[in-house]
């Protein structure tokens, strides 16, 4: 089986992981946090941070040859479940219907103490 490691040219590259891994038929996207192309957390609330995570994932999906229409599963990690409703508002606006399968959990801690991280699995 062929395994292709992918890094989006629009995202900061980290030496400890690839932005996505592509195998025949599937793309596994690493969790994206609300950081800009310089790796700095963007200002704003959970809606702005959700939008940034989704935008970052869009760049990764495109670099891997996929799109949101082909996403089959999304995992969302929130610092606080108190942000669930506001996150859902932004998520609902930005993802095409029908929405992919999804899990959302409260995480004990996220990198750079951010309030959200989102990862996805997509078809090629």
PDB file of N, CA and C in Angstrom:
ATOM      1  N   UNK A   1       0.855  -1.175   0.000  1.00  0.00           N
ATOM      2  CA  UNK A   1       0.000   0.000   0.000  1.00  0.00           C
ATOM      3  C   UNK A   1       0.898   1.234   0.000  1.00  0.00           C
ATOM      4  N   UNK A   2       0.531   2.198  -0.840  1.00  0.00           N
ATOM      5  CA  UNK A   2       1.311   3.427  -0.888  1.00  0.00           C
ATOM      6  C   UNK A   2       0.833   4.392   0.196  1.00  0.00           C
ATOM      7  N   UNK A   3       1.790   5.058   0.833  1.00  0.00           N
ATOM      8  CA  UNK A   3       1.509   6.040   1.884  1.00  0.00           C
ATOM      9  C   UNK A   3       2.218   7.327   1.498  1.00  0.00           C
ATOM     10  N   UNK A   4       1.439   8.403   1.387  1.00  0.00           N
ATOM     11  CA  UNK A   4       2.000   9.698   0.996  1.00  0.00           C
ATOM     12  C   UNK A   4       1.801  10.681   2.139  1.00  0.00           C
ATOM     13  N   UNK A   5       2.885  11.287   2.608  1.00  0.00           N
ATOM     14  CA  UNK A   5       2.827  12.308   3.651  1.00  0.00           C
ATOM     15  C   UNK A   5       2.730  13.672   2.963  1.00  0.00           C
ATOM     16  N   UNK A   6       1.783  14.496   3.427  1.00  0.00           N
ATOM     17  CA  UNK A   6       1.486  15.760   2.751  1.00  0.00           C
ATOM     18  C   UNK A   6       1.560  16.917   3.735  1.00  0.00           C
ATOM     19  N   UNK A   7       2.197  18.001   3.301  1.00  0.00           N
ATOM     20  CA  UNK A   7       2.187  19.255   4.050  1.00  0.00           C
ATOM     21  C   UNK A   7       1.668  20.354   3.143  1.00  0.00           C
ATOM     22  N   UNK A   8       0.706  21.119   3.648  1.00  0.00           N
ATOM     23  CA  UNK A   8       0.154  22.228   2.884  1.00  0.00           C
ATOM     24  C   UNK A   8       1.166  23.364   2.834  1.00  0.00           C
ATOM     25  N   UNK A   9       1.346  23.969   1.669  1.00  0.00           N
ATOM     26  CA  UNK A   9       2.261  25.120   1.588  1.00  0.00           C
ATOM     27  C   UNK A   9       1.738  26.339   2.361  1.00  0.00           C
ATOM     28  N   UNK A  10       0.448  26.326   2.726  1.00  0.00           N
ATOM     29  CA  UNK A  10      -0.161  27.452   3.436  1.00  0.00           C
ATOM     30  C   UNK A  10      -0.084  27.328   4.957  1.00  0.00           C
ATOM     31  N   UNK A  11       0.420  26.205   5.470  1.00  0.00           N
ATOM     32  CA  UNK A  11       0.437  25.952   6.903  1.00  0.00           C
ATOM     33  C   UNK A  11       1.871  25.804   7.387  1.00  0.00           C
ATOM     34  N   UNK A  12       2.148  26.233   8.618  1.00  0.00           N
ATOM     35  CA  UNK A  12       3.497  26.023   9.163  1.00  0.00           C
ATOM     36  C   UNK A  12       3.792  24.525   9.286  1.00  0.00           C
ATOM     37  N   UNK A  13       4.965  24.113   8.875  1.00  0.00           N
ATOM     38  CA  UNK A  13       5.354  22.712   8.957  1.00  0.00           C
ATOM     39  C   UNK A  13       5.960  22.440  10.330  1.00  0.00           C
ATOM     40  N   UNK A  14       5.505  21.372  10.961  1.00  0.00           N
ATOM     41  CA  UNK A  14       6.015  20.946  12.265  1.00  0.00           C
ATOM     42  C   UNK A  14       6.864  19.697  12.057  1.00  0.00           C
ATOM     43  N   UNK A  15       8.001  19.605  12.726  1.00  0.00           N
ATOM     44  CA  UNK A  15       8.864  18.436  12.506  1.00  0.00           C
ATOM     45  C   UNK A  15       8.325  17.144  13.117  1.00  0.00           C
ATOM     46  N   UNK A  16       7.258  17.214  13.901  1.00  0.00           N
ATOM     47  CA  UNK A  16       6.769  16.018  14.587  1.00  0.00           C
ATOM     48  C   UNK A  16       5.576  15.349  13.911  1.00  0.00           C
ATOM     49  N   UNK A  17       5.018  15.948  12.868  1.00  0.00           N
ATOM     50  CA  UNK A  17       3.900  15.334  12.160  1.00  0.00           C
ATOM     51  C   UNK A  17       3.708  15.956  10.788  1.00  0.00           C
ATOM     52  N   UNK A  18       2.981  15.232   9.928  1.00  0.00           N
ATOM     53  CA  UNK A  18       2.575  15.745   8.618  1.00  0.00           C
ATOM     54  C   UNK A  18       1.174  16.316   8.750  1.00  0.00           C
ATOM     55  N   UNK A  19       0.827  17.255   7.883  1.00  0.00           N
ATOM     56  CA  UNK A  19      -0.524  17.820   7.896  1.00  0.00           C
ATOM     57  C   UNK A  19      -1.567  16.776   7.510  1.00  0.00           C
ATOM     58  N   UNK A  20      -1.177  15.858   6.625  1.00  0.00           N
ATOM     59  CA  UNK A  20      -2.094  14.797   6.205  1.00  0.00           C
ATOM     60  C   UNK A  20      -1.291  13.596   5.751  1.00  0.00           C
ATOM     61  N   UNK A  21      -1.942  12.454   5.813  1.00  0.00           N
ATOM     62  CA  UNK A  21      -1.384  11.217   5.267  1.00  0.00           C
ATOM     63  C   UNK A  21      -2.440  10.637   4.332  1.00  0.00           C
ATOM     64  N   UNK A  22      -1.991  10.354   3.114  1.00  0.00           N
ATOM     65  CA  UNK A  22      -2.894   9.849   2.076  1.00  0.00           C
ATOM     66  C   UNK A  22      -2.544   8.391   1.778  1.00  0.00           C
ATOM     67  N   UNK A  23      -3.567   7.545   1.861  1.00  0.00           N
ATOM     68  CA  UNK A  23      -3.434   6.159   1.454  1.00  0.00           C
ATOM     69  C   UNK A  23      -4.492   5.931   0.371  1.00  0.00           C
ATOM     70  N   UNK A  24      -4.427   4.835  -0.356  1.00  0.00           N
ATOM     71  CA  UNK A  24      -5.428   4.633  -1.403  1.00  0.00           C
ATOM     72  C   UNK A  24      -6.860   4.778  -0.861  1.00  0.00           C
ATOM     73  N   UNK A  25      -7.551   5.798  -1.366  1.00  0.00           N
ATOM     74  CA  UNK A  25      -8.946   6.018  -1.024  1.00  0.00           C
ATOM     75  C   UNK A  25      -9.222   6.955   0.134  1.00  0.00           C
ATOM     76  N   UNK A  26      -8.240   7.197   1.002  1.00  0.00           N
ATOM     77  CA  UNK A  26      -8.491   8.017   2.196  1.00  0.00           C
ATOM     78  C   UNK A  26      -7.373   9.010   2.481  1.00  0.00           C
ATOM     79  N   UNK A  27      -7.768  10.106   3.120  1.00  0.00           N
ATOM     80  CA  UNK A  27      -6.823  11.126   3.586  1.00  0.00           C
ATOM     81  C   UNK A  27      -7.111  11.368   5.063  1.00  0.00           C
ATOM     82  N   UNK A  28      -6.087  11.245   5.896  1.00  0.00           N
ATOM     83  CA  UNK A  28      -6.199  11.499   7.329  1.00  0.00           C
ATOM     84  C   UNK A  28      -5.520  12.833   7.623  1.00  0.00           C
ATOM     85  N   UNK A  29      -6.318  13.832   8.014  1.00  0.00           N
ATOM     86  CA  UNK A  29      -5.787  15.173   8.289  1.00  0.00           C
ATOM     87  C   UNK A  29      -5.482  15.329   9.770  1.00  0.00           C
ATOM     88  N   UNK A  30      -4.294  15.818  10.065  1.00  0.00           N
ATOM     89  CA  UNK A  30      -3.925  16.099  11.452  1.00  0.00           C
ATOM     90  C   UNK A  30      -4.798  17.206  12.011  1.00  0.00           C
ATOM     91  N   UNK A  31      -4.938  17.222  13.317  1.00  0.00           N
ATOM     92  CA  UNK A  31      -5.719  18.262  13.974  1.00  0.00           C
ATOM     93  C   UNK A  31      -5.147  19.642  13.693  1.00  0.00           C
ATOM     94  N   UNK A  32      -6.027  20.568  13.395  1.00  0.00           N
ATOM     95  CA  UNK A  32      -5.636  21.951  13.135  1.00  0.00           C
ATOM     96  C   UNK A  32      -6.145  22.829  14.277  1.00  0.00           C
ATOM     97  N   UNK A  33      -5.295  23.711  14.717  1.00  0.00           N
ATOM     98  CA  UNK A  33      -5.635  24.657  15.772  1.00  0.00           C
ATOM     99  C   UNK A  33      -5.857  26.035  15.151  1.00  0.00           C
ATOM    100  N   UNK A  34      -6.382  26.981  15.912  1.00  0.00           N
ATOM    101  CA  UNK A  34      -6.687  28.304  15.342  1.00  0.00           C
ATOM    102  C   UNK A  34      -5.459  29.203  15.218  1.00  0.00           C
ATOM    103  N   UNK A  35      -4.519  28.769  14.378  1.00  0.00           N
ATOM    104  CA  UNK A  35      -3.305  29.551  14.164  1.00  0.00           C
ATOM    105  C   UNK A  35      -3.231  30.018  12.724  1.00  0.00           C
ATOM    106  N   UNK A  36      -2.568  31.143  12.520  1.00  0.00           N
ATOM    107  CA  UNK A  36      -2.396  31.682  11.178  1.00  0.00           C
ATOM    108  C   UNK A  36      -1.193  31.021  10.499  1.00  0.00           C
ATOM    109  N   UNK A  37      -0.850  31.487   9.317  1.00  0.00           N
ATOM    110  CA  UNK A  37       0.245  30.871   8.559  1.00  0.00           C
ATOM    111  C   UNK A  37       1.604  31.060   9.216  1.00  0.00           C
ATOM    112  N   UNK A  38       1.696  31.961  10.193  1.00  0.00           N
ATOM    113  CA  UNK A  38       2.939  32.144  10.953  1.00  0.00           C
ATOM    114  C   UNK A  38       2.962  31.309  12.224  1.00  0.00           C
ATOM    115  N   UNK A  39       1.893  30.543  12.468  1.00  0.00           N
ATOM    116  CA  UNK A  39       1.834  29.711  13.661  1.00  0.00           C
ATOM    117  C   UNK A  39       1.381  30.435  14.916  1.00  0.00           C
ATOM    118  N   UNK A  40       0.812  31.636  14.740  1.00  0.00           N
ATOM    119  CA  UNK A  40       0.331  32.420  15.886  1.00  0.00           C
ATOM    120  C   UNK A  40      -1.177  32.253  16.036  1.00  0.00           C
ATOM    121  N   UNK A  41      -1.636  32.118  17.282  1.00  0.00           N
ATOM    122  CA  UNK A  41      -3.067  31.988  17.547  1.00  0.00           C
ATOM    123  C   UNK A  41      -3.767  33.269  17.097  1.00  0.00           C
ATOM    124  N   UNK A  42      -4.830  33.105  16.309  1.00  0.00           N
ATOM    125  CA  UNK A  42      -5.574  34.271  15.835  1.00  0.00           C
ATOM    126  C   UNK A  42      -6.414  34.834  16.980  1.00  0.00           C
ATOM    127  N   UNK A  43      -6.624  36.143  16.990  1.00  0.00           N
ATOM    128  CA  UNK A  43      -7.457  36.722  18.045  1.00  0.00           C
ATOM    129  C   UNK A  43      -8.925  36.358  17.826  1.00  0.00           C
ATOM    130  N   UNK A  44      -9.699  36.431  18.886  1.00  0.00           N
ATOM    131  CA  UNK A  44     -11.131  36.213  18.746  1.00  0.00           C
ATOM    132  C   UNK A  44     -11.679  35.162  19.677  1.00  0.00           C
ATOM    133  N   UNK A  45     -12.970  34.927  19.504  1.00  0.00           N
ATOM    134  CA  UNK A  45     -13.701  33.993  20.350  1.00  0.00           C
ATOM    135  C   UNK A  45     -13.751  32.611  19.694  1.00  0.00           C
ATOM    136  N   UNK A  46     -14.547  31.714  20.255  1.00  0.00           N
ATOM    137  CA  UNK A  46     -14.614  30.343  19.746  1.00  0.00           C
ATOM    138  C   UNK A  46     -15.117  30.302  18.300  1.00  0.00           C
ATOM    139  N   UNK A  47     -15.989  31.215  17.906  1.00  0.00           N
ATOM    140  CA  UNK A  47     -16.446  31.232  16.514  1.00  0.00           C
ATOM    141  C   UNK A  47     -15.294  31.563  15.564  1.00  0.00           C
ATOM    142  N   UNK A  48     -14.519  32.576  15.914  1.00  0.00           N
ATOM    143  CA  UNK A  48     -13.363  32.944  15.087  1.00  0.00           C
ATOM    144  C   UNK A  48     -12.344  31.805  15.064  1.00  0.00           C
ATOM    145  N   UNK A  49     -12.166  31.139  16.189  1.00  0.00           N
ATOM    146  CA  UNK A  49     -11.201  30.040  16.261  1.00  0.00           C
ATOM    147  C   UNK A  49     -11.692  28.821  15.480  1.00  0.00           C
ATOM    148  N   UNK A  50     -12.990  28.555  15.530  1.00  0.00           N
ATOM    149  CA  UNK A  50     -13.560  27.464  14.735  1.00  0.00           C
ATOM    150  C   UNK A  50     -13.358  27.753  13.251  1.00  0.00           C
ATOM    151  N   UNK A  51     -13.646  28.981  12.846  1.00  0.00           N
ATOM    152  CA  UNK A  51     -13.476  29.376  11.445  1.00  0.00           C
ATOM    153  C   UNK A  51     -12.029  29.193  10.999  1.00  0.00           C
ATOM    154  N   UNK A  52     -11.065  29.565  11.848  1.00  0.00           N
ATOM    155  CA  UNK A  52      -9.657  29.423  11.485  1.00  0.00           C
ATOM    156  C   UNK A  52      -9.263  27.954  11.362  1.00  0.00           C
ATOM    157  N   UNK A  53      -9.718  27.123  12.294  1.00  0.00           N
ATOM    158  CA  UNK A  53      -9.425  25.683  12.208  1.00  0.00           C
ATOM    159  C   UNK A  53      -9.966  25.107  10.910  1.00  0.00           C
ATOM    160  N   UNK A  54     -11.200  25.455  10.556  1.00  0.00           N
ATOM    161  CA  UNK A  54     -11.808  24.940   9.331  1.00  0.00           C
ATOM    162  C   UNK A  54     -11.094  25.458   8.091  1.00  0.00           C
ATOM    163  N   UNK A  55     -10.671  26.702   8.126  1.00  0.00           N
ATOM    164  CA  UNK A  55      -9.904  27.269   7.017  1.00  0.00           C
ATOM    165  C   UNK A  55      -8.568  26.535   6.867  1.00  0.00           C
ATOM    166  N   UNK A  56      -7.918  26.274   7.988  1.00  0.00           N
ATOM    167  CA  UNK A  56      -6.650  25.538   7.957  1.00  0.00           C
ATOM    168  C   UNK A  56      -6.854  24.143   7.379  1.00  0.00           C
ATOM    169  N   UNK A  57      -7.938  23.486   7.792  1.00  0.00           N
ATOM    170  CA  UNK A  57      -8.230  22.157   7.258  1.00  0.00           C
ATOM    171  C   UNK A  57      -8.539  22.213   5.766  1.00  0.00           C
ATOM    172  N   UNK A  58      -9.191  23.268   5.321  1.00  0.00           N
ATOM    173  CA  UNK A  58      -9.455  23.431   3.885  1.00  0.00           C
ATOM    174  C   UNK A  58      -8.137  23.426   3.112  1.00  0.00           C
ATOM    175  N   UNK A  59      -7.150  24.151   3.611  1.00  0.00           N
ATOM    176  CA  UNK A  59      -5.834  24.187   2.949  1.00  0.00           C
ATOM    177  C   UNK A  59      -5.192  22.809   2.906  1.00  0.00           C
ATOM    178  N   UNK A  60      -5.309  22.077   3.995  1.00  0.00           N
ATOM    179  CA  UNK A  60      -4.733  20.730   4.055  1.00  0.00           C
ATOM    180  C   UNK A  60      -5.471  19.793   3.103  1.00  0.00           C
ATOM    181  N   UNK A  61      -6.798  19.845   3.115  1.00  0.00           N
ATOM    182  CA  UNK A  61      -7.578  19.001   2.205  1.00  0.00           C
ATOM    183  C   UNK A  61      -7.226  19.286   0.751  1.00  0.00           C
ATOM    184  N   UNK A  62      -7.120  20.557   0.397  1.00  0.00           N
ATOM    185  CA  UNK A  62      -6.786  20.930  -0.981  1.00  0.00           C
ATOM    186  C   UNK A  62      -5.389  20.442  -1.355  1.00  0.00           C
ATOM    187  N   UNK A  63      -4.436  20.570  -0.441  1.00  0.00           N
ATOM    188  CA  UNK A  63      -3.073  20.102  -0.712  1.00  0.00           C
ATOM    189  C   UNK A  63      -3.045  18.589  -0.937  1.00  0.00           C
ATOM    190  N   UNK A  64      -3.994  17.894  -0.302  1.00  0.00           N
ATOM    191  CA  UNK A  64      -4.067  16.437  -0.428  1.00  0.00           C
ATOM    192  C   UNK A  64      -4.955  15.990  -1.589  1.00  0.00           C
ATOM    193  N   UNK A  65      -5.569  16.939  -2.293  1.00  0.00           N
ATOM    194  CA  UNK A  65      -6.412  16.606  -3.433  1.00  0.00           C
ATOM    195  C   UNK A  65      -7.840  16.256  -3.070  1.00  0.00           C
ATOM    196  N   UNK A  66      -8.338  16.805  -1.973  1.00  0.00           N
ATOM    197  CA  UNK A  66      -9.703  16.526  -1.553  1.00  0.00           C
ATOM    198  C   UNK A  66     -10.428  17.832  -1.225  1.00  0.00           C
ATOM    199  N   UNK A  67     -11.607  17.711  -0.610  1.00  0.00           N
ATOM    200  CA  UNK A  67     -12.414  18.880  -0.268  1.00  0.00           C
ATOM    201  C   UNK A  67     -13.394  18.495   0.836  1.00  0.00           C
ATOM    202  N   UNK A  68     -14.086  19.499   1.352  1.00  0.00           N
ATOM    203  CA  UNK A  68     -15.076  19.249   2.408  1.00  0.00           C
ATOM    204  C   UNK A  68     -16.203  18.348   1.940  1.00  0.00           C
ATOM    205  N   UNK A  69     -16.524  18.361   0.659  1.00  0.00           N
ATOM    206  CA  UNK A  69     -17.578  17.488   0.138  1.00  0.00           C
ATOM    207  C   UNK A  69     -17.222  16.013   0.283  1.00  0.00           C
ATOM    208  N   UNK A  70     -15.935  15.723   0.424  1.00  0.00           N
ATOM    209  CA  UNK A  70     -15.484  14.334   0.535  1.00  0.00           C
ATOM    210  C   UNK A  70     -15.107  13.937   1.961  1.00  0.00           C
ATOM    211  N   UNK A  71     -15.283  14.838   2.907  1.00  0.00           N
ATOM    212  CA  UNK A  71     -14.962  14.512   4.310  1.00  0.00           C
ATOM    213  C   UNK A  71     -16.012  13.549   4.850  1.00  0.00           C
ATOM    214  N   UNK A  72     -15.533  12.464   5.459  1.00  0.00           N
ATOM    215  CA  UNK A  72     -16.437  11.453   5.998  1.00  0.00           C
ATOM    216  C   UNK A  72     -16.532  11.483   7.519  1.00  0.00           C
ATOM    217  N   UNK A  73     -15.516  12.055   8.186  1.00  0.00           N
ATOM    218  CA  UNK A  73     -15.511  12.075   9.655  1.00  0.00           C
ATOM    219  C   UNK A  73     -14.725  13.280  10.146  1.00  0.00           C
ATOM    220  N   UNK A  74     -15.272  13.944  11.155  1.00  0.00           N
ATOM    221  CA  UNK A  74     -14.616  15.085  11.794  1.00  0.00           C
ATOM    222  C   UNK A  74     -14.547  14.806  13.291  1.00  0.00           C
ATOM    223  N   UNK A  75     -13.403  15.093  13.887  1.00  0.00           N
ATOM    224  CA  UNK A  75     -13.248  15.031  15.344  1.00  0.00           C
ATOM    225  C   UNK A  75     -12.917  16.427  15.839  1.00  0.00           C
ATOM    226  N   UNK A  76     -13.687  16.883  16.817  1.00  0.00           N
ATOM    227  CA  UNK A  76     -13.493  18.218  17.389  1.00  0.00           C
ATOM    228  C   UNK A  76     -13.137  18.075  18.851  1.00  0.00           C
ATOM    229  N   UNK A  77     -12.095  18.802  19.257  1.00  0.00           N
ATOM    230  CA  UNK A  77     -11.636  18.800  20.640  1.00  0.00           C
ATOM    231  C   UNK A  77     -11.804  20.206  21.194  1.00  0.00           C
ATOM    232  N   UNK A  78     -12.642  20.356  22.198  1.00  0.00           N
ATOM    233  CA  UNK A  78     -12.890  21.651  22.818  1.00  0.00           C
ATOM    234  C   UNK A  78     -12.239  21.711  24.187  1.00  0.00           C
ATOM    235  N   UNK A  79     -11.728  22.877  24.520  1.00  0.00           N
ATOM    236  CA  UNK A  79     -11.207  23.103  25.870  1.00  0.00           C
ATOM    237  C   UNK A  79     -12.355  23.083  26.876  1.00  0.00           C
ATOM    238  N   UNK A  80     -13.503  23.620  26.461  1.00  0.00           N
ATOM    239  CA  UNK A  80     -14.676  23.678  27.327  1.00  0.00           C
ATOM    240  C   UNK A  80     -15.930  23.342  26.525  1.00  0.00           C
ATOM    241  N   UNK A  81     -16.745  22.447  27.045  1.00  0.00           N
ATOM    242  CA  UNK A  81     -18.014  22.137  26.383  1.00  0.00           C
ATOM    243  C   UNK A  81     -18.969  23.323  26.463  1.00  0.00           C
ATOM    244  N   UNK A  82     -18.650  24.323  27.260  1.00  0.00           N
ATOM    245  CA  UNK A  82     -19.424  25.558  27.274  1.00  0.00           C
ATOM    246  C   UNK A  82     -19.367  26.290  25.943  1.00  0.00           C
ATOM    247  N   UNK A  83     -18.377  25.946  25.087  1.00  0.00           N
ATOM    248  CA  UNK A  83     -18.236  26.552  23.757  1.00  0.00           C
ATOM    249  C   UNK A  83     -18.966  25.764  22.674  1.00  0.00           C
ATOM    250  N   UNK A  84     -19.613  24.666  23.052  1.00  0.00           N
ATOM    251  CA  UNK A  84     -20.221  23.749  22.079  1.00  0.00           C
ATOM    252  C   UNK A  84     -21.235  24.441  21.164  1.00  0.00           C
ATOM    253  N   UNK A  85     -22.173  25.186  21.720  1.00  0.00           N
ATOM    254  CA  UNK A  85     -23.229  25.817  20.911  1.00  0.00           C
ATOM    255  C   UNK A  85     -22.651  26.852  19.945  1.00  0.00           C
ATOM    256  N   UNK A  86     -21.762  27.699  20.425  1.00  0.00           N
ATOM    257  CA  UNK A  86     -21.172  28.726  19.562  1.00  0.00           C
ATOM    258  C   UNK A  86     -20.305  28.091  18.473  1.00  0.00           C
ATOM    259  N   UNK A  87     -19.561  27.047  18.819  1.00  0.00           N
ATOM    260  CA  UNK A  87     -18.758  26.330  17.822  1.00  0.00           C
ATOM    261  C   UNK A  87     -19.673  25.749  16.755  1.00  0.00           C
ATOM    262  N   UNK A  88     -20.783  25.146  17.179  1.00  0.00           N
ATOM    263  CA  UNK A  88     -21.721  24.536  16.226  1.00  0.00           C
ATOM    264  C   UNK A  88     -22.302  25.559  15.261  1.00  0.00           C
ATOM    265  N   UNK A  89     -22.541  26.777  15.732  1.00  0.00           N
ATOM    266  CA  UNK A  89     -23.067  27.816  14.839  1.00  0.00           C
ATOM    267  C   UNK A  89     -22.110  28.057  13.680  1.00  0.00           C
ATOM    268  N   UNK A  90     -20.839  28.213  13.994  1.00  0.00           N
ATOM    269  CA  UNK A  90     -19.836  28.482  12.949  1.00  0.00           C
ATOM    270  C   UNK A  90     -19.631  27.243  12.065  1.00  0.00           C
ATOM    271  N   UNK A  91     -19.552  26.090  12.675  1.00  0.00           N
ATOM    272  CA  UNK A  91     -19.366  24.821  11.960  1.00  0.00           C
ATOM    273  C   UNK A  91     -20.498  24.613  10.950  1.00  0.00           C
ATOM    274  N   UNK A  92     -21.733  24.843  11.393  1.00  0.00           N
ATOM    275  CA  UNK A  92     -22.906  24.653  10.543  1.00  0.00           C
ATOM    276  C   UNK A  92     -22.873  25.587   9.334  1.00  0.00           C
ATOM    277  N   UNK A  93     -22.425  26.817   9.539  1.00  0.00           N
ATOM    278  CA  UNK A  93     -22.349  27.786   8.441  1.00  0.00           C
ATOM    279  C   UNK A  93     -21.302  27.411   7.399  1.00  0.00           C
ATOM    280  N   UNK A  94     -20.202  26.818   7.823  1.00  0.00           N
ATOM    281  CA  UNK A  94     -19.049  26.639   6.949  1.00  0.00           C
ATOM    282  C   UNK A  94     -18.956  25.301   6.235  1.00  0.00           C
ATOM    283  N   UNK A  95     -19.613  24.269   6.756  1.00  0.00           N
ATOM    284  CA  UNK A  95     -19.516  22.961   6.111  1.00  0.00           C
ATOM    285  C   UNK A  95     -20.731  22.688   5.238  1.00  0.00           C
ATOM    286  N   UNK A  96     -20.496  22.057   4.083  1.00  0.00           N
ATOM    287  CA  UNK A  96     -21.610  21.756   3.187  1.00  0.00           C
ATOM    288  C   UNK A  96     -22.520  20.675   3.776  1.00  0.00           C
ATOM    289  N   UNK A  97     -23.767  20.690   3.323  1.00  0.00           N
ATOM    290  CA  UNK A  97     -24.720  19.640   3.698  1.00  0.00           C
ATOM    291  C   UNK A  97     -24.656  18.534   2.655  1.00  0.00           C
ATOM    292  N   UNK A  98     -24.892  17.307   3.017  1.00  0.00           N
ATOM    293  CA  UNK A  98     -25.046  16.837   4.379  1.00  0.00           C
ATOM    294  C   UNK A  98     -23.699  16.817   5.106  1.00  0.00           C
ATOM    295  N   UNK A  99     -23.758  17.044   6.400  1.00  0.00           N
ATOM    296  CA  UNK A  99     -22.535  17.091   7.213  1.00  0.00           C
ATOM    297  C   UNK A  99     -21.947  15.683   7.366  1.00  0.00           C
ATOM    298  N   UNK A 100     -20.622  15.616   7.558  1.00  0.00           N
ATOM    299  CA  UNK A 100     -19.989  14.314   7.794  1.00  0.00           C
ATOM    300  C   UNK A 100     -20.303  13.795   9.206  1.00  0.00           C
ATOM    301  N   UNK A 101     -19.981  12.539   9.436  1.00  0.00           N
ATOM    302  CA  UNK A 101     -20.045  11.994  10.791  1.00  0.00           C
ATOM    303  C   UNK A 101     -19.113  12.834  11.669  1.00  0.00           C
ATOM    304  N   UNK A 102     -19.428  12.903  12.979  1.00  0.00           N
ATOM    305  CA  UNK A 102     -18.633  13.796  13.829  1.00  0.00           C
ATOM    306  C   UNK A 102     -18.630  13.326  15.270  1.00  0.00           C
ATOM    307  N   UNK A 103     -17.515  13.585  15.929  1.00  0.00           N
ATOM    308  CA  UNK A 103     -17.383  13.416  17.369  1.00  0.00           C
ATOM    309  C   UNK A 103     -16.887  14.731  17.919  1.00  0.00           C
ATOM    310  N   UNK A 104     -17.399  15.136  19.071  1.00  0.00           N
ATOM    311  CA  UNK A 104     -16.920  16.347  19.735  1.00  0.00           C
ATOM    312  C   UNK A 104     -16.753  16.022  21.214  1.00  0.00           C
ATOM    313  N   UNK A 105     -15.538  16.247  21.725  1.00  0.00           N
ATOM    314  CA  UNK A 105     -15.265  15.974  23.129  1.00  0.00           C
ATOM    315  C   UNK A 105     -14.555  17.154  23.773  1.00  0.00           C
ATOM    316  N   UNK A 106     -14.607  17.189  25.085  1.00  0.00           N
ATOM    317  CA  UNK A 106     -13.817  18.162  25.831  1.00  0.00           C
ATOM    318  C   UNK A 106     -12.455  17.530  26.081  1.00  0.00           C
ATOM    319  N   UNK A 107     -11.410  18.242  25.702  1.00  0.00           N
ATOM    320  CA  UNK A 107     -10.042  17.751  25.868  1.00  0.00           C
ATOM    321  C   UNK A 107      -9.435  18.332  27.136  1.00  0.00           C
ATOM    322  N   UNK A 108      -8.590  17.567  27.778  1.00  0.00           N
ATOM    323  CA  UNK A 108      -7.951  18.008  29.009  1.00  0.00           C
ATOM    324  C   UNK A 108      -6.982  19.157  28.797  1.00  0.00           C
ATOM    325  N   UNK A 109      -6.394  19.242  27.636  1.00  0.00           N
ATOM    326  CA  UNK A 109      -5.451  20.309  27.317  1.00  0.00           C
ATOM    327  C   UNK A 109      -5.100  20.247  25.846  1.00  0.00           C
ATOM    328  N   UNK A 110      -4.959  21.389  25.225  1.00  0.00           N
ATOM    329  CA  UNK A 110      -4.636  21.465  23.803  1.00  0.00           C
ATOM    330  C   UNK A 110      -3.354  22.271  23.617  1.00  0.00           C
ATOM    331  N   UNK A 111      -2.637  22.058  22.516  1.00  0.00           N
ATOM    332  CA  UNK A 111      -1.391  22.794  22.282  1.00  0.00           C
ATOM    333  C   UNK A 111      -1.592  24.315  22.362  1.00  0.00           C
ATOM    334  N   UNK A 112      -0.633  25.001  22.927  1.00  0.00           N
ATOM    335  CA  UNK A 112      -0.640  26.463  23.074  1.00  0.00           C
ATOM    336  C   UNK A 112      -1.868  26.955  23.846  1.00  0.00           C
ATOM    337  N   UNK A 113      -2.479  26.060  24.608  1.00  0.00           N
ATOM    338  CA  UNK A 113      -3.648  26.377  25.427  1.00  0.00           C
ATOM    339  C   UNK A 113      -4.797  26.955  24.602  1.00  0.00           C
ATOM    340  N   UNK A 114      -4.931  26.498  23.343  1.00  0.00           N
ATOM    341  CA  UNK A 114      -6.030  26.965  22.500  1.00  0.00           C
ATOM    342  C   UNK A 114      -7.340  26.352  22.973  1.00  0.00           C
ATOM    343  N   UNK A 115      -8.450  26.893  22.480  1.00  0.00           N
ATOM    344  CA  UNK A 115      -9.761  26.426  22.918  1.00  0.00           C
ATOM    345  C   UNK A 115     -10.391  25.387  22.002  1.00  0.00           C
ATOM    346  N   UNK A 116      -9.746  25.087  20.862  1.00  0.00           N
ATOM    347  CA  UNK A 116     -10.319  24.128  19.914  1.00  0.00           C
ATOM    348  C   UNK A 116      -9.236  23.567  19.004  1.00  0.00           C
ATOM    349  N   UNK A 117      -9.432  22.322  18.598  1.00  0.00           N
ATOM    350  CA  UNK A 117      -8.641  21.679  17.539  1.00  0.00           C
ATOM    351  C   UNK A 117      -9.612  20.802  16.762  1.00  0.00           C
ATOM    352  N   UNK A 118      -9.424  20.742  15.445  1.00  0.00           N
ATOM    353  CA  UNK A 118     -10.312  19.954  14.588  1.00  0.00           C
ATOM    354  C   UNK A 118      -9.469  19.119  13.624  1.00  0.00           C
ATOM    355  N   UNK A 119      -9.834  17.826  13.499  1.00  0.00           N
ATOM    356  CA  UNK A 119      -9.184  16.940  12.537  1.00  0.00           C
ATOM    357  C   UNK A 119     -10.250  16.309  11.654  1.00  0.00           C
ATOM    358  N   UNK A 120      -9.832  15.767  10.521  1.00  0.00           N
ATOM    359  CA  UNK A 120     -10.796  15.199   9.580  1.00  0.00           C
ATOM    360  C   UNK A 120     -10.223  14.012   8.836  1.00  0.00           C
ATOM    361  N   UNK A 121     -11.131  13.163   8.373  1.00  0.00           N
ATOM    362  CA  UNK A 121     -10.797  12.053   7.473  1.00  0.00           C
ATOM    363  C   UNK A 121     -11.645  12.267   6.223  1.00  0.00           C
ATOM    364  N   UNK A 122     -10.999  12.182   5.063  1.00  0.00           N
ATOM    365  CA  UNK A 122     -11.706  12.436   3.802  1.00  0.00           C
ATOM    366  C   UNK A 122     -11.414  11.338   2.786  1.00  0.00           C
ATOM    367  N   UNK A 123     -12.327  11.197   1.857  1.00  0.00           N
ATOM    368  CA  UNK A 123     -12.088  10.335   0.705  1.00  0.00           C
ATOM    369  C   UNK A 123     -11.255  11.106  -0.298  1.00  0.00           C
ATOM    370  N   UNK A 124     -10.561  10.362  -1.137  1.00  0.00           N
ATOM    371  CA  UNK A 124      -9.728  10.996  -2.162  1.00  0.00           C
ATOM    372  C   UNK A 124     -10.628  11.491  -3.280  1.00  0.00           C
TER     373      UNK A 124
END
